[in-house]
Amino acid sequence: MSATKHEGKTKMKTKEKPVWKVMGGLSGNEILDFDGFFISYLPPGGFGISMFAADGDGGETALVVMDGGANKVSGNSYYILNGDWRKDYEKVAQKGLKACMDFYKRKKRNHGSSWSQE
């Protein structure tokens, strides 16, 4: 997957399908990586230790912004939705971080995780 810079915004080439990378370990965590942020999906029942646990017994999808933000350990800000939002984020992430934040804000009232760090 490649990205191009245009007027200070990162845009994905629309011809390429986003590729989720399966991270090492037993958690089953998947990452969709962009410039300055990434989307992380942790499936329900994943083995291993996550920094956060989903509310309830379902999976979680996190927008992780590498901004030196709220989490003092990682230096990232975590915007977490309960459930599997990979398909939705695949569509909006190609438009950049602002589009992802707008999507998160629309969904957080009904699907926001208590683990989000804003």
C-alpha atoms as a PDB file:
ATOM      1  CA  MET A   1       0.000   0.000   0.000  1.00  0.00           C
ATOM      2  CA  SER A   2       1.418   3.369  -0.843  1.00  0.00           C
ATOM      3  CA  ALA A   3       0.430   6.883   0.002  1.00  0.00           C
ATOM      4  CA  THR A   4       1.071  10.176  -1.709  1.00  0.00           C
ATOM      5  CA  LYS A   5       1.304  13.632  -0.189  1.00  0.00           C
ATOM      6  CA  HIS A   6      -0.906  16.293  -1.715  1.00  0.00           C
ATOM      7  CA  GLU A   7      -1.314  19.734  -0.194  1.00  0.00           C
ATOM      8  CA  GLY A   8      -0.169  18.493   3.224  1.00  0.00           C
ATOM      9  CA  LYS A   9      -2.674  15.627   3.336  1.00  0.00           C
ATOM     10  CA  THR A  10      -1.986  11.942   2.969  1.00  0.00           C
ATOM     11  CA  LYS A  11      -4.045  10.262   0.298  1.00  0.00           C
ATOM     12  CA  MET A  12      -4.027   6.584  -0.521  1.00  0.00           C
ATOM     13  CA  LYS A  13      -3.931   5.574  -4.143  1.00  0.00           C
ATOM     14  CA  THR A  14      -7.511   4.510  -4.749  1.00  0.00           C
ATOM     15  CA  LYS A  15      -6.562   1.665  -7.112  1.00  0.00           C
ATOM     16  CA  GLU A  16      -4.952  -0.287  -4.293  1.00  0.00           C
ATOM     17  CA  LYS A  17      -6.984  -2.292  -1.805  1.00  0.00           C
ATOM     18  CA  PRO A  18      -5.914  -1.634   1.795  1.00  0.00           C
ATOM     19  CA  VAL A  19      -3.895  -4.497   3.243  1.00  0.00           C
ATOM     20  CA  TRP A  20      -4.316  -5.434   6.897  1.00  0.00           C
ATOM     21  CA  LYS A  21      -1.092  -6.714   8.471  1.00  0.00           C
ATOM     22  CA  VAL A  22      -1.444  -9.460  11.062  1.00  0.00           C
ATOM     23  CA  MET A  23       0.833  -8.636  13.964  1.00  0.00           C
ATOM     24  CA  GLY A  24       2.991 -11.209  15.726  1.00  0.00           C
ATOM     25  CA  GLY A  25       1.813 -13.028  18.801  1.00  0.00           C
ATOM     26  CA  LEU A  26      -1.381 -14.864  19.541  1.00  0.00           C
ATOM     27  CA  SER A  27      -3.709 -11.866  19.818  1.00  0.00           C
ATOM     28  CA  GLY A  28      -4.779 -11.890  16.164  1.00  0.00           C
ATOM     29  CA  ASN A  29      -4.349  -8.104  16.110  1.00  0.00           C
ATOM     30  CA  GLU A  30      -4.480  -6.577  12.607  1.00  0.00           C
ATOM     31  CA  ILE A  31      -3.061  -3.183  11.582  1.00  0.00           C
ATOM     32  CA  LEU A  32      -3.855  -0.895   8.656  1.00  0.00           C
ATOM     33  CA  ASP A  33      -0.970   1.583   8.540  1.00  0.00           C
ATOM     34  CA  PHE A  34      -0.997   5.200   7.321  1.00  0.00           C
ATOM     35  CA  ASP A  35       1.246   8.243   7.679  1.00  0.00           C
ATOM     36  CA  GLY A  36       0.888   9.481  11.284  1.00  0.00           C
ATOM     37  CA  PHE A  37      -1.916   7.101  12.281  1.00  0.00           C
ATOM     38  CA  PHE A  38      -3.082   3.531  11.988  1.00  0.00           C
ATOM     39  CA  ILE A  39      -6.218   1.459  12.455  1.00  0.00           C
ATOM     40  CA  SER A  40      -5.945  -1.519  14.795  1.00  0.00           C
ATOM     41  CA  TYR A  41      -8.434  -4.390  14.966  1.00  0.00           C
ATOM     42  CA  LEU A  42      -8.405  -6.839  17.882  1.00  0.00           C
ATOM     43  CA  PRO A  43     -10.830  -9.720  17.284  1.00  0.00           C
ATOM     44  CA  PRO A  44     -13.017 -11.153  20.044  1.00  0.00           C
ATOM     45  CA  GLY A  45     -11.342 -13.909  21.996  1.00  0.00           C
ATOM     46  CA  GLY A  46      -7.873 -12.990  20.722  1.00  0.00           C
ATOM     47  CA  PHE A  47      -5.153 -14.530  22.827  1.00  0.00           C
ATOM     48  CA  GLY A  48      -2.376 -12.509  24.344  1.00  0.00           C
ATOM     49  CA  ILE A  49      -2.313  -9.273  26.246  1.00  0.00           C
ATOM     50  CA  SER A  50      -3.748  -6.078  24.810  1.00  0.00           C
ATOM     51  CA  MET A  51      -3.125  -2.656  26.248  1.00  0.00           C
ATOM     52  CA  PHE A  52      -6.895  -2.329  26.331  1.00  0.00           C
ATOM     53  CA  ALA A  53      -9.728  -4.833  26.577  1.00  0.00           C
ATOM     54  CA  ALA A  54     -12.921  -4.474  24.583  1.00  0.00           C
ATOM     55  CA  ASP A  55     -16.036  -3.580  26.538  1.00  0.00           C
ATOM     56  CA  GLY A  56     -18.001  -6.815  26.709  1.00  0.00           C
ATOM     57  CA  ASP A  57     -16.796  -9.890  24.868  1.00  0.00           C
ATOM     58  CA  GLY A  58     -16.582  -8.534  21.310  1.00  0.00           C
ATOM     59  CA  GLY A  59     -13.667  -7.216  19.339  1.00  0.00           C
ATOM     60  CA  GLU A  60     -12.548  -3.625  19.055  1.00  0.00           C
ATOM     61  CA  THR A  61     -11.349  -1.305  16.323  1.00  0.00           C
ATOM     62  CA  ALA A  62      -9.057   1.553  17.292  1.00  0.00           C
ATOM     63  CA  LEU A  63      -7.952   4.658  15.468  1.00  0.00           C
ATOM     64  CA  VAL A  64      -4.452   5.215  16.843  1.00  0.00           C
ATOM     65  CA  VAL A  65      -2.929   8.649  16.297  1.00  0.00           C
ATOM     66  CA  MET A  66       0.823   8.949  16.792  1.00  0.00           C
ATOM     67  CA  ASP A  67       0.784  12.467  18.160  1.00  0.00           C
ATOM     68  CA  GLY A  68       2.480  12.296  21.545  1.00  0.00           C
ATOM     69  CA  GLY A  69      -1.054  12.295  22.939  1.00  0.00           C
ATOM     70  CA  ALA A  70      -3.071  11.020  25.846  1.00  0.00           C
ATOM     71  CA  ASN A  71      -1.284   7.734  26.558  1.00  0.00           C
ATOM     72  CA  LYS A  72       1.883   8.584  28.443  1.00  0.00           C
ATOM     73  CA  VAL A  73       3.445   5.145  27.835  1.00  0.00           C
ATOM     74  CA  SER A  74       3.077   4.890  24.064  1.00  0.00           C
ATOM     75  CA  GLY A  75       2.753   8.583  23.213  1.00  0.00           C
ATOM     76  CA  ASN A  76      -0.311   7.819  21.087  1.00  0.00           C
ATOM     77  CA  SER A  77      -3.976   8.787  21.305  1.00  0.00           C
ATOM     78  CA  TYR A  78      -6.495   5.922  21.109  1.00  0.00           C
ATOM     79  CA  TYR A  79     -10.021   6.358  19.722  1.00  0.00           C
ATOM     80  CA  ILE A  80     -11.647   2.966  20.211  1.00  0.00           C
ATOM     81  CA  LEU A  81     -14.963   1.623  18.945  1.00  0.00           C
ATOM     82  CA  ASN A  82     -16.395  -1.662  20.162  1.00  0.00           C
ATOM     83  CA  GLY A  83     -16.912  -4.113  17.315  1.00  0.00           C
ATOM     84  CA  ASP A  84     -15.433  -4.742  13.888  1.00  0.00           C
ATOM     85  CA  TRP A  85     -15.268  -1.480  11.892  1.00  0.00           C
ATOM     86  CA  ARG A  86     -12.496  -2.535   9.482  1.00  0.00           C
ATOM     87  CA  LYS A  87     -14.574  -2.214   6.285  1.00  0.00           C
ATOM     88  CA  ASP A  88     -15.788   1.264   7.289  1.00  0.00           C
ATOM     89  CA  TYR A  89     -12.310   2.485   8.182  1.00  0.00           C
ATOM     90  CA  GLU A  90     -10.906   1.057   4.920  1.00  0.00           C
ATOM     91  CA  LYS A  91     -13.208   3.437   3.055  1.00  0.00           C
ATOM     92  CA  VAL A  92     -12.658   6.575   5.120  1.00  0.00           C
ATOM     93  CA  ALA A  93      -8.946   6.157   5.909  1.00  0.00           C
ATOM     94  CA  GLN A  94      -8.055   6.740   2.282  1.00  0.00           C
ATOM     95  CA  LYS A  95      -9.374  10.276   2.775  1.00  0.00           C
ATOM     96  CA  GLY A  96      -6.993  10.885   5.689  1.00  0.00           C
ATOM     97  CA  LEU A  97      -6.946  11.332   9.443  1.00  0.00           C
ATOM     98  CA  LYS A  98      -9.689  13.983   9.565  1.00  0.00           C
ATOM     99  CA  ALA A  99     -12.132  11.645   7.803  1.00  0.00           C
ATOM    100  CA  CYS A 100     -11.273   8.901  10.316  1.00  0.00           C
ATOM    101  CA  MET A 101     -11.809  11.258  13.257  1.00  0.00           C
ATOM    102  CA  ASP A 102     -15.147  12.367  11.824  1.00  0.00           C
ATOM    103  CA  PHE A 103     -16.198   8.708  11.441  1.00  0.00           C
ATOM    104  CA  TYR A 104     -15.134   7.934  15.026  1.00  0.00           C
ATOM    105  CA  LYS A 105     -17.056  10.925  16.402  1.00  0.00           C
ATOM    106  CA  ARG A 106     -20.230   9.839  14.570  1.00  0.00           C
ATOM    107  CA  LYS A 107     -20.015   6.311  16.007  1.00  0.00           C
ATOM    108  CA  LYS A 108     -18.650   6.859  19.520  1.00  0.00           C
ATOM    109  CA  ARG A 109     -21.960   7.653  21.214  1.00  0.00           C
ATOM    110  CA  ASN A 110     -23.380   4.197  20.502  1.00  0.00           C
ATOM    111  CA  HIS A 111     -20.193   2.185  20.019  1.00  0.00           C
ATOM    112  CA  GLY A 112     -17.431   4.023  21.877  1.00  0.00           C
ATOM    113  CA  SER A 113     -15.196   2.053  24.195  1.00  0.00           C
ATOM    114  CA  SER A 114     -14.623   3.093  27.781  1.00  0.00           C
ATOM    115  CA  TRP A 115     -10.911   2.574  26.994  1.00  0.00           C
ATOM    116  CA  SER A 116     -10.733   5.460  24.504  1.00  0.00           C
ATOM    117  CA  GLN A 117      -8.240   8.137  25.475  1.00  0.00           C
ATOM    118  CA  GLU A 118      -9.274  11.504  24.128  1.00  0.00           C
END
